[in-house]
Amino acid sequence: HETGEEVDIACVTSQERWQIISAVFESKQPLFRRIGIGKTF
């Protein structure tokens, strides 16, 4: 976050989390190198 290379995006339901994570891993090369899951992001 201090270098502008990471963000948190809003996500409040398990369905939203699943959609986001599924989209990240949709191809053989994931879009992001770092992924974390919180209650609201």
All heavy atoms as atom14 arrays in JSON, in Angstrom:
{
  "sequence": "HETGEEVDIACVTSQERWQIISAVFESKQPLFRRIGIGKTF",
  "atom14_mask": [
    [1, 1, 1, 1, 1, 1, 1, 1, 1, 1, 0, 0, 0, 0],
    [1, 1, 1, 1, 1, 1, 1, 1, 1, 0, 0, 0, 0, 0],
    [1, 1, 1, 1, 1, 1, 1, 0, 0, 0, 0, 0, 0, 0],
    [1, 1, 1, 1, 0, 0, 0, 0, 0, 0, 0, 0, 0, 0],
    [1, 1, 1, 1, 1, 1, 1, 1, 1, 0, 0, 0, 0, 0],
    [1, 1, 1, 1, 1, 1, 1, 1, 1, 0, 0, 0, 0, 0],
    [1, 1, 1, 1, 1, 1, 1, 0, 0, 0, 0, 0, 0, 0],
    [1, 1, 1, 1, 1, 1, 1, 1, 0, 0, 0, 0, 0, 0],
    [1, 1, 1, 1, 1, 1, 1, 1, 0, 0, 0, 0, 0, 0],
    [1, 1, 1, 1, 1, 0, 0, 0, 0, 0, 0, 0, 0, 0],
    [1, 1, 1, 1, 1, 1, 0, 0, 0, 0, 0, 0, 0, 0],
    [1, 1, 1, 1, 1, 1, 1, 0, 0, 0, 0, 0, 0, 0],
    [1, 1, 1, 1, 1, 1, 1, 0, 0, 0, 0, 0, 0, 0],
    [1, 1, 1, 1, 1, 1, 0, 0, 0, 0, 0, 0, 0, 0],
    [1, 1, 1, 1, 1, 1, 1, 1, 1, 0, 0, 0, 0, 0],
    [1, 1, 1, 1, 1, 1, 1, 1, 1, 0, 0, 0, 0, 0],
    [1, 1, 1, 1, 1, 1, 1, 1, 1, 1, 1, 0, 0, 0],
    [1, 1, 1, 1, 1, 1, 1, 1, 1, 1, 1, 1, 1, 1],
    [1, 1, 1, 1, 1, 1, 1, 1, 1, 0, 0, 0, 0, 0],
    [1, 1, 1, 1, 1, 1, 1, 1, 0, 0, 0, 0, 0, 0],
    [1, 1, 1, 1, 1, 1, 1, 1, 0, 0, 0, 0, 0, 0],
    [1, 1, 1, 1, 1, 1, 0, 0, 0, 0, 0, 0, 0, 0],
    [1, 1, 1, 1, 1, 0, 0, 0, 0, 0, 0, 0, 0, 0],
    [1, 1, 1, 1, 1, 1, 1, 0, 0, 0, 0, 0, 0, 0],
    [1, 1, 1, 1, 1, 1, 1, 1, 1, 1, 1, 0, 0, 0],
    [1, 1, 1, 1, 1, 1, 1, 1, 1, 0, 0, 0, 0, 0],
    [1, 1, 1, 1, 1, 1, 0, 0, 0, 0, 0, 0, 0, 0],
    [1, 1, 1, 1, 1, 1, 1, 1, 1, 0, 0, 0, 0, 0],
    [1, 1, 1, 1, 1, 1, 1, 1, 1, 0, 0, 0, 0, 0],
    [1, 1, 1, 1, 1, 1, 1, 0, 0, 0, 0, 0, 0, 0],
    [1, 1, 1, 1, 1, 1, 1, 1, 0, 0, 0, 0, 0, 0],
    [1, 1, 1, 1, 1, 1, 1, 1, 1, 1, 1, 0, 0, 0],
    [1, 1, 1, 1, 1, 1, 1, 1, 1, 1, 1, 0, 0, 0],
    [1, 1, 1, 1, 1, 1, 1, 1, 1, 1, 1, 0, 0, 0],
    [1, 1, 1, 1, 1, 1, 1, 1, 0, 0, 0, 0, 0, 0],
    [1, 1, 1, 1, 0, 0, 0, 0, 0, 0, 0, 0, 0, 0],
    [1, 1, 1, 1, 1, 1, 1, 1, 0, 0, 0, 0, 0, 0],
    [1, 1, 1, 1, 0, 0, 0, 0, 0, 0, 0, 0, 0, 0],
    [1, 1, 1, 1, 1, 1, 1, 1, 1, 0, 0, 0, 0, 0],
    [1, 1, 1, 1, 1, 1, 1, 0, 0, 0, 0, 0, 0, 0],
    [1, 1, 1, 1, 1, 1, 1, 1, 1, 1, 1, 0, 0, 0]
  ],
  "atom14_positions": [
    [[0.85, -1.19, 0.0], [0.0, 0.0, 0.0], [0.89, 1.25, 0.0], [0.53, 2.27, -0.57], [-0.91, 0.04, 1.24], [-2.1, -0.84, 1.17], [-3.24, -0.5, 0.48], [-2.34, -2.04, 1.73], [-4.13, -1.46, 0.61], [-3.62, -2.42, 1.36], [0.0, 0.0, 0.0], [0.0, 0.0, 0.0], [0.0, 0.0, 0.0], [0.0, 0.0, 0.0]],
    [[2.05, 1.16, 0.65], [2.95, 2.3, 0.75], [3.66, 2.61, -0.57], [4.16, 3.71, -0.76], [3.98, 2.07, 1.85], [3.38, 2.01, 3.24], [4.42, 1.75, 4.31], [5.39, 2.53, 4.38], [4.26, 0.78, 5.06], [0.0, 0.0, 0.0], [0.0, 0.0, 0.0], [0.0, 0.0, 0.0], [0.0, 0.0, 0.0], [0.0, 0.0, 0.0]],
    [[3.71, 1.65, -1.47], [4.37, 1.85, -2.75], [3.37, 1.97, -3.91], [3.78, 2.13, -5.06], [5.33, 0.68, -3.05], [4.59, -0.54, -3.09], [6.43, 0.61, -2.02], [0.0, 0.0, 0.0], [0.0, 0.0, 0.0], [0.0, 0.0, 0.0], [0.0, 0.0, 0.0], [0.0, 0.0, 0.0], [0.0, 0.0, 0.0], [0.0, 0.0, 0.0]],
    [[2.09, 1.85, -3.61], [1.09, 1.92, -4.67], [0.95, 0.65, -5.46], [0.49, 0.65, -6.6], [0.0, 0.0, 0.0], [0.0, 0.0, 0.0], [0.0, 0.0, 0.0], [0.0, 0.0, 0.0], [0.0, 0.0, 0.0], [0.0, 0.0, 0.0], [0.0, 0.0, 0.0], [0.0, 0.0, 0.0], [0.0, 0.0, 0.0], [0.0, 0.0, 0.0]],
    [[1.33, -0.48, -4.84], [1.27, -1.76, -5.53], [0.19, -2.7, -4.98], [0.06, -3.83, -5.45], [2.62, -2.47, -5.45], [3.73, -1.71, -6.15], [5.07, -2.38, -5.96], [5.53, -2.47, -4.8], [5.63, -2.81, -6.97], [0.0, 0.0, 0.0], [0.0, 0.0, 0.0], [0.0, 0.0, 0.0], [0.0, 0.0, 0.0], [0.0, 0.0, 0.0]],
    [[-0.55, -2.24, -3.98], [-1.59, -3.08, -3.38], [-2.81, -2.23, -3.04], [-2.68, -1.03, -2.75], [-1.07, -3.76, -2.12], [0.07, -4.7, -2.39], [0.63, -5.39, -1.17], [0.11, -5.18, -0.05], [1.59, -6.15, -1.32], [0.0, 0.0, 0.0], [0.0, 0.0, 0.0], [0.0, 0.0, 0.0], [0.0, 0.0, 0.0], [0.0, 0.0, 0.0]],
    [[-3.98, -2.85, -3.11], [-5.24, -2.17, -2.78], [-6.15, -3.13, -2.04], [-5.97, -4.34, -2.09], [-5.99, -1.66, -4.03], [-5.22, -0.59, -4.75], [-6.37, -2.8, -4.96], [0.0, 0.0, 0.0], [0.0, 0.0, 0.0], [0.0, 0.0, 0.0], [0.0, 0.0, 0.0], [0.0, 0.0, 0.0], [0.0, 0.0, 0.0], [0.0, 0.0, 0.0]],
    [[-7.14, -2.55, -1.37], [-8.25, -3.33, -0.83], [-9.49, -2.89, -1.59], [-9.68, -1.71, -1.85], [-8.44, -3.02, 0.67], [-7.25, -3.44, 1.52], [-6.5, -4.33, 1.08], [-7.08, -2.86, 2.6], [0.0, 0.0, 0.0], [0.0, 0.0, 0.0], [0.0, 0.0, 0.0], [0.0, 0.0, 0.0], [0.0, 0.0, 0.0], [0.0, 0.0, 0.0]],
    [[-10.3, -3.87, -1.97], [-11.55, -3.54, -2.67], [-12.73, -4.02, -1.84], [-12.64, -5.02, -1.14], [-11.58, -4.12, -4.11], [-11.5, -5.64, -4.12], [-10.48, -3.52, -4.95], [-11.69, -6.25, -5.49], [0.0, 0.0, 0.0], [0.0, 0.0, 0.0], [0.0, 0.0, 0.0], [0.0, 0.0, 0.0], [0.0, 0.0, 0.0], [0.0, 0.0, 0.0]],
    [[-13.81, -3.28, -1.93], [-15.01, -3.58, -1.14], [-15.57, -4.94, -1.52], [-15.67, -5.3, -2.69], [-16.06, -2.5, -1.36], [0.0, 0.0, 0.0], [0.0, 0.0, 0.0], [0.0, 0.0, 0.0], [0.0, 0.0, 0.0], [0.0, 0.0, 0.0], [0.0, 0.0, 0.0], [0.0, 0.0, 0.0], [0.0, 0.0, 0.0], [0.0, 0.0, 0.0]],
    [[-15.94, -5.68, -0.49], [-16.5, -7.01, -0.69], [-17.15, -7.42, 0.63], [-16.46, -7.64, 1.61], [-15.39, -7.97, -1.06], [-15.94, -9.64, -1.28], [0.0, 0.0, 0.0], [0.0, 0.0, 0.0], [0.0, 0.0, 0.0], [0.0, 0.0, 0.0], [0.0, 0.0, 0.0], [0.0, 0.0, 0.0], [0.0, 0.0, 0.0], [0.0, 0.0, 0.0]],
    [[-18.47, -7.52, 0.66], [-19.14, -7.79, 1.93], [-19.86, -9.13, 2.0], [-20.24, -9.56, 3.09], [-20.12, -6.65, 2.3], [-19.35, -5.37, 2.59], [-21.14, -6.42, 1.22], [0.0, 0.0, 0.0], [0.0, 0.0, 0.0], [0.0, 0.0, 0.0], [0.0, 0.0, 0.0], [0.0, 0.0, 0.0], [0.0, 0.0, 0.0], [0.0, 0.0, 0.0]],
    [[-20.04, -9.8, 0.89], [-20.73, -11.09, 0.94], [-19.8, -12.21, 0.45], [-18.85, -11.97, -0.3], [-22.0, -11.11, 0.06], [-21.61, -11.05, -1.32], [-22.93, -9.96, 0.41], [0.0, 0.0, 0.0], [0.0, 0.0, 0.0], [0.0, 0.0, 0.0], [0.0, 0.0, 0.0], [0.0, 0.0, 0.0], [0.0, 0.0, 0.0], [0.0, 0.0, 0.0]],
    [[-20.09, -13.41, 0.86], [-19.28, -14.54, 0.41], [-19.42, -14.73, -1.1], [-18.48, -15.14, -1.77], [-19.65, -15.81, 1.16], [-21.01, -16.11, 1.0], [0.0, 0.0, 0.0], [0.0, 0.0, 0.0], [0.0, 0.0, 0.0], [0.0, 0.0, 0.0], [0.0, 0.0, 0.0], [0.0, 0.0, 0.0], [0.0, 0.0, 0.0], [0.0, 0.0, 0.0]],
    [[-20.58, -14.42, -1.64], [-20.78, -14.52, -3.1], [-19.86, -13.55, -3.83], [-19.24, -13.91, -4.83], [-22.23, -14.25, -3.47], [-22.49, -14.39, -4.96], [-23.93, -14.14, -5.33], [-24.75, -13.76, -4.51], [-24.26, -14.35, -6.58], [0.0, 0.0, 0.0], [0.0, 0.0, 0.0], [0.0, 0.0, 0.0], [0.0, 0.0, 0.0], [0.0, 0.0, 0.0]],
    [[-19.76, -12.31, -3.34], [-18.85, -11.33, -3.96], [-17.41, -11.81, -3.87], [-16.65, -11.69, -4.84], [-18.94, -9.98, -3.25], [-20.14, -9.16, -3.6], [-20.11, -7.84, -2.85], [-20.11, -7.86, -1.6], [-20.08, -6.8, -3.53], [0.0, 0.0, 0.0], [0.0, 0.0, 0.0], [0.0, 0.0, 0.0], [0.0, 0.0, 0.0], [0.0, 0.0, 0.0]],
    [[-17.0, -12.33, -2.7], [-15.64, -12.82, -2.55], [-15.36, -13.93, -3.56], [-14.3, -13.95, -4.19], [-15.4, -13.33, -1.12], [-15.15, -12.21, -0.13], [-14.77, -12.74, 1.24], [-15.91, -13.26, 1.99], [-16.81, -12.51, 2.61], [-16.72, -11.21, 2.59], [-17.8, -13.05, 3.27], [0.0, 0.0, 0.0], [0.0, 0.0, 0.0], [0.0, 0.0, 0.0]],
    [[-16.29, -14.85, -3.71], [-16.12, -15.95, -4.65], [-16.0, -15.41, -6.09], [-15.14, -15.86, -6.84], [-17.28, -16.93, -4.55], [-17.2, -18.0, -5.6], [-18.03, -18.17, -6.66], [-16.23, -19.04, -5.69], [-17.63, -19.25, -7.41], [-16.52, -19.8, -6.84], [-15.13, -19.39, -4.92], [-15.76, -20.89, -7.23], [-14.37, -20.49, -5.3], [-14.69, -21.23, -6.44]],
    [[-16.83, -14.46, -6.46], [-16.76, -13.89, -7.81], [-15.41, -13.24, -8.07], [-14.82, -13.42, -9.14], [-17.87, -12.86, -8.01], [-19.25, -13.46, -8.1], [-20.35, -12.4, -8.04], [-20.11, -11.24, -7.71], [-21.56, -12.82, -8.35], [0.0, 0.0, 0.0], [0.0, 0.0, 0.0], [0.0, 0.0, 0.0], [0.0, 0.0, 0.0], [0.0, 0.0, 0.0]],
    [[-14.92, -12.48, -7.1], [-13.64, -11.78, -7.27], [-12.5, -12.78, -7.37], [-11.68, -12.71, -8.3], [-13.42, -10.78, -6.12], [-14.43, -9.63, -6.23], [-11.99, -10.26, -6.13], [-14.52, -8.76, -4.99], [0.0, 0.0, 0.0], [0.0, 0.0, 0.0], [0.0, 0.0, 0.0], [0.0, 0.0, 0.0], [0.0, 0.0, 0.0], [0.0, 0.0, 0.0]],
    [[-12.43, -13.71, -6.44], [-11.34, -14.68, -6.45], [-11.4, -15.56, -7.69], [-10.37, -15.85, -8.31], [-11.35, -15.54, -5.16], [-11.17, -14.65, -3.93], [-10.3, -16.63, -5.2], [-9.92, -13.79, -3.93], [0.0, 0.0, 0.0], [0.0, 0.0, 0.0], [0.0, 0.0, 0.0], [0.0, 0.0, 0.0], [0.0, 0.0, 0.0], [0.0, 0.0, 0.0]],
    [[-12.58, -15.96, -8.1], [-12.72, -16.75, -9.33], [-12.23, -15.97, -10.54], [-11.54, -16.52, -11.4], [-14.19, -17.16, -9.54], [-14.61, -18.02, -8.53], [0.0, 0.0, 0.0], [0.0, 0.0, 0.0], [0.0, 0.0, 0.0], [0.0, 0.0, 0.0], [0.0, 0.0, 0.0], [0.0, 0.0, 0.0], [0.0, 0.0, 0.0], [0.0, 0.0, 0.0]],
    [[-12.56, -14.69, -10.6], [-12.12, -13.85, -11.72], [-10.6, -13.68, -11.72], [-9.97, -13.67, -12.77], [-12.81, -12.49, -11.67], [0.0, 0.0, 0.0], [0.0, 0.0, 0.0], [0.0, 0.0, 0.0], [0.0, 0.0, 0.0], [0.0, 0.0, 0.0], [0.0, 0.0, 0.0], [0.0, 0.0, 0.0], [0.0, 0.0, 0.0], [0.0, 0.0, 0.0]],
    [[-10.01, -13.57, -10.54], [-8.55, -13.44, -10.44], [-7.86, -14.67, -11.02], [-6.86, -14.57, -11.72], [-8.12, -13.22, -8.97], [-6.62, -13.41, -8.8], [-8.53, -11.83, -8.5], [0.0, 0.0, 0.0], [0.0, 0.0, 0.0], [0.0, 0.0, 0.0], [0.0, 0.0, 0.0], [0.0, 0.0, 0.0], [0.0, 0.0, 0.0], [0.0, 0.0, 0.0]],
    [[-8.41, -15.86, -10.76], [-7.79, -17.11, -11.2], [-8.41, -17.69, -12.47], [-8.2, -18.86, -12.77], [-7.86, -18.15, -10.07], [-6.94, -17.84, -8.94], [-7.42, -17.27, -7.78], [-5.59, -18.1, -9.04], [-6.57, -16.97, -6.72], [-4.73, -17.82, -7.99], [-5.22, -17.24, -6.83], [0.0, 0.0, 0.0], [0.0, 0.0, 0.0], [0.0, 0.0, 0.0]],
    [[-9.14, -16.89, -13.21], [-9.83, -17.36, -14.41], [-8.89, -17.93, -15.48], [-9.23, -18.85, -16.2], [-10.64, -16.19, -15.01], [-11.67, -16.58, -16.0], [-12.54, -15.38, -16.32], [-13.47, -15.1, -15.56], [-12.26, -14.72, -17.34], [0.0, 0.0, 0.0], [0.0, 0.0, 0.0], [0.0, 0.0, 0.0], [0.0, 0.0, 0.0], [0.0, 0.0, 0.0]],
    [[-7.71, -17.38, -15.6], [-6.75, -17.87, -16.59], [-5.61, -18.59, -15.89], [-5.52, -18.6, -14.66], [-6.21, -16.7, -17.42], [-5.48, -15.83, -16.59], [0.0, 0.0, 0.0], [0.0, 0.0, 0.0], [0.0, 0.0, 0.0], [0.0, 0.0, 0.0], [0.0, 0.0, 0.0], [0.0, 0.0, 0.0], [0.0, 0.0, 0.0], [0.0, 0.0, 0.0]],
    [[-4.71, -19.2, -16.67], [-3.59, -19.94, -16.1], [-2.66, -19.04, -15.29], [-2.02, -19.48, -14.36], [-2.79, -20.63, -17.2], [-3.52, -21.79, -17.83], [-2.68, -22.47, -18.86], [-3.45, -23.61, -19.48], [-2.68, -24.32, -20.48], [0.0, 0.0, 0.0], [0.0, 0.0, 0.0], [0.0, 0.0, 0.0], [0.0, 0.0, 0.0], [0.0, 0.0, 0.0]],
    [[-2.59, -17.77, -15.67], [-1.77, -16.79, -14.94], [-2.7, -15.88, -14.14], [-3.4, -15.07, -14.72], [-0.94, -15.97, -15.91], [-0.18, -14.87, -15.24], [1.29, -14.97, -15.49], [1.74, -15.79, -16.26], [2.04, -14.15, -14.81], [0.0, 0.0, 0.0], [0.0, 0.0, 0.0], [0.0, 0.0, 0.0], [0.0, 0.0, 0.0], [0.0, 0.0, 0.0]],
    [[-2.71, -16.01, -12.81], [-3.57, -15.13, -12.0], [-3.23, -13.67, -12.23], [-2.1, -13.32, -12.56], [-3.26, -15.54, -10.56], [-2.63, -16.88, -10.66], [-1.95, -16.93, -11.98], [0.0, 0.0, 0.0], [0.0, 0.0, 0.0], [0.0, 0.0, 0.0], [0.0, 0.0, 0.0], [0.0, 0.0, 0.0], [0.0, 0.0, 0.0], [0.0, 0.0, 0.0]],
    [[-4.21, -12.8, -12.05], [-4.01, -11.37, -12.27], [-3.1, -10.75, -11.22], [-2.38, -9.8, -11.52], [-5.37, -10.65, -12.25], [-6.33, -10.98, -13.38], [-7.64, -10.22, -13.18], [-5.72, -10.61, -14.72], [0.0, 0.0, 0.0], [0.0, 0.0, 0.0], [0.0, 0.0, 0.0], [0.0, 0.0, 0.0], [0.0, 0.0, 0.0], [0.0, 0.0, 0.0]],
    [[-3.12, -11.24, -10.0], [-2.4, -10.61, -8.91], [-1.46, -11.6, -8.23], [-1.73, -12.79, -8.19], [-3.38, -10.05, -7.87], [-4.29, -9.0, -8.44], [-5.52, -9.36, -8.97], [-3.9, -7.68, -8.47], [-6.35, -8.4, -9.52], [-4.73, -6.71, -9.02], [-5.95, -7.07, -9.55], [0.0, 0.0, 0.0], [0.0, 0.0, 0.0], [0.0, 0.0, 0.0]],
    [[-0.37, -11.1, -7.67], [0.59, -11.95, -6.95], [0.24, -12.08, -5.48], [0.65, -13.02, -4.82], [2.0, -11.35, -7.08], [2.53, -11.43, -8.46], [3.93, -10.9, -8.5], [4.49, -11.13, -9.81], [5.37, -10.35, -10.38], [5.82, -9.28, -9.74], [5.82, -10.62, -11.58], [0.0, 0.0, 0.0], [0.0, 0.0, 0.0], [0.0, 0.0, 0.0]],
    [[-0.47, -11.09, -4.95], [-0.83, -11.09, -3.53], [-2.35, -11.0, -3.41], [-2.96, -10.13, -4.02], [-0.18, -9.92, -2.81], [1.3, -10.01, -2.81], [1.92, -8.83, -2.08], [3.13, -9.34, -1.46], [3.32, -9.48, -0.17], [2.41, -9.1, 0.68], [4.43, -9.97, 0.3], [0.0, 0.0, 0.0], [0.0, 0.0, 0.0], [0.0, 0.0, 0.0]],
    [[-2.91, -11.89, -2.61], [-4.36, -11.91, -2.42], [-4.63, -12.18, -0.94], [-4.04, -13.09, -0.35], [-5.02, -13.01, -3.27], [-4.74, -12.76, -4.75], [-6.52, -13.07, -3.0], [-5.08, -13.93, -5.63], [0.0, 0.0, 0.0], [0.0, 0.0, 0.0], [0.0, 0.0, 0.0], [0.0, 0.0, 0.0], [0.0, 0.0, 0.0], [0.0, 0.0, 0.0]],
    [[-5.51, -11.39, -0.37], [-5.92, -11.6, 1.01], [-7.42, -11.42, 1.1], [-8.0, -10.66, 0.33], [0.0, 0.0, 0.0], [0.0, 0.0, 0.0], [0.0, 0.0, 0.0], [0.0, 0.0, 0.0], [0.0, 0.0, 0.0], [0.0, 0.0, 0.0], [0.0, 0.0, 0.0], [0.0, 0.0, 0.0], [0.0, 0.0, 0.0], [0.0, 0.0, 0.0]],
    [[-8.05, -12.12, 2.01], [-9.5, -12.05, 2.12], [-9.87, -11.6, 3.54], [-9.48, -12.23, 4.51], [-10.14, -13.41, 1.82], [-9.77, -13.85, 0.4], [-11.66, -13.34, 1.99], [-10.19, -15.25, 0.05], [0.0, 0.0, 0.0], [0.0, 0.0, 0.0], [0.0, 0.0, 0.0], [0.0, 0.0, 0.0], [0.0, 0.0, 0.0], [0.0, 0.0, 0.0]],
    [[-10.6, -10.5, 3.62], [-11.1, -9.99, 4.89], [-12.61, -10.06, 4.92], [-13.25, -10.48, 3.95], [0.0, 0.0, 0.0], [0.0, 0.0, 0.0], [0.0, 0.0, 0.0], [0.0, 0.0, 0.0], [0.0, 0.0, 0.0], [0.0, 0.0, 0.0], [0.0, 0.0, 0.0], [0.0, 0.0, 0.0], [0.0, 0.0, 0.0], [0.0, 0.0, 0.0]],
    [[-13.21, -9.65, 6.04], [-14.67, -9.67, 6.16], [-15.36, -8.7, 5.22], [-16.44, -8.97, 4.71], [-15.09, -9.35, 7.6], [-14.94, -10.48, 8.55], [-15.55, -10.13, 9.88], [-15.51, -11.32, 10.8], [-16.21, -11.06, 12.05], [0.0, 0.0, 0.0], [0.0, 0.0, 0.0], [0.0, 0.0, 0.0], [0.0, 0.0, 0.0], [0.0, 0.0, 0.0]],
    [[-14.74, -7.53, 5.0], [-15.38, -6.49, 4.19], [-14.57, -6.08, 2.98], [-14.9, -5.11, 2.3], [-15.63, -5.23, 5.04], [-14.37, -4.75, 5.53], [-16.58, -5.54, 6.19], [0.0, 0.0, 0.0], [0.0, 0.0, 0.0], [0.0, 0.0, 0.0], [0.0, 0.0, 0.0], [0.0, 0.0, 0.0], [0.0, 0.0, 0.0], [0.0, 0.0, 0.0]],
    [[-13.48, -6.81, 2.7], [-12.63, -6.43, 1.57], [-11.85, -7.64, 1.06], [-11.71, -8.65, 1.75], [-11.65, -5.32, 1.97], [-10.64, -5.76, 2.99], [-9.4, -6.26, 2.6], [-10.91, -5.7, 4.35], [-8.46, -6.68, 3.53], [-9.97, -6.11, 5.29], [-8.75, -6.61, 4.88], [0.0, 0.0, 0.0], [0.0, 0.0, 0.0], [0.0, 0.0, 0.0]]
  ]
}
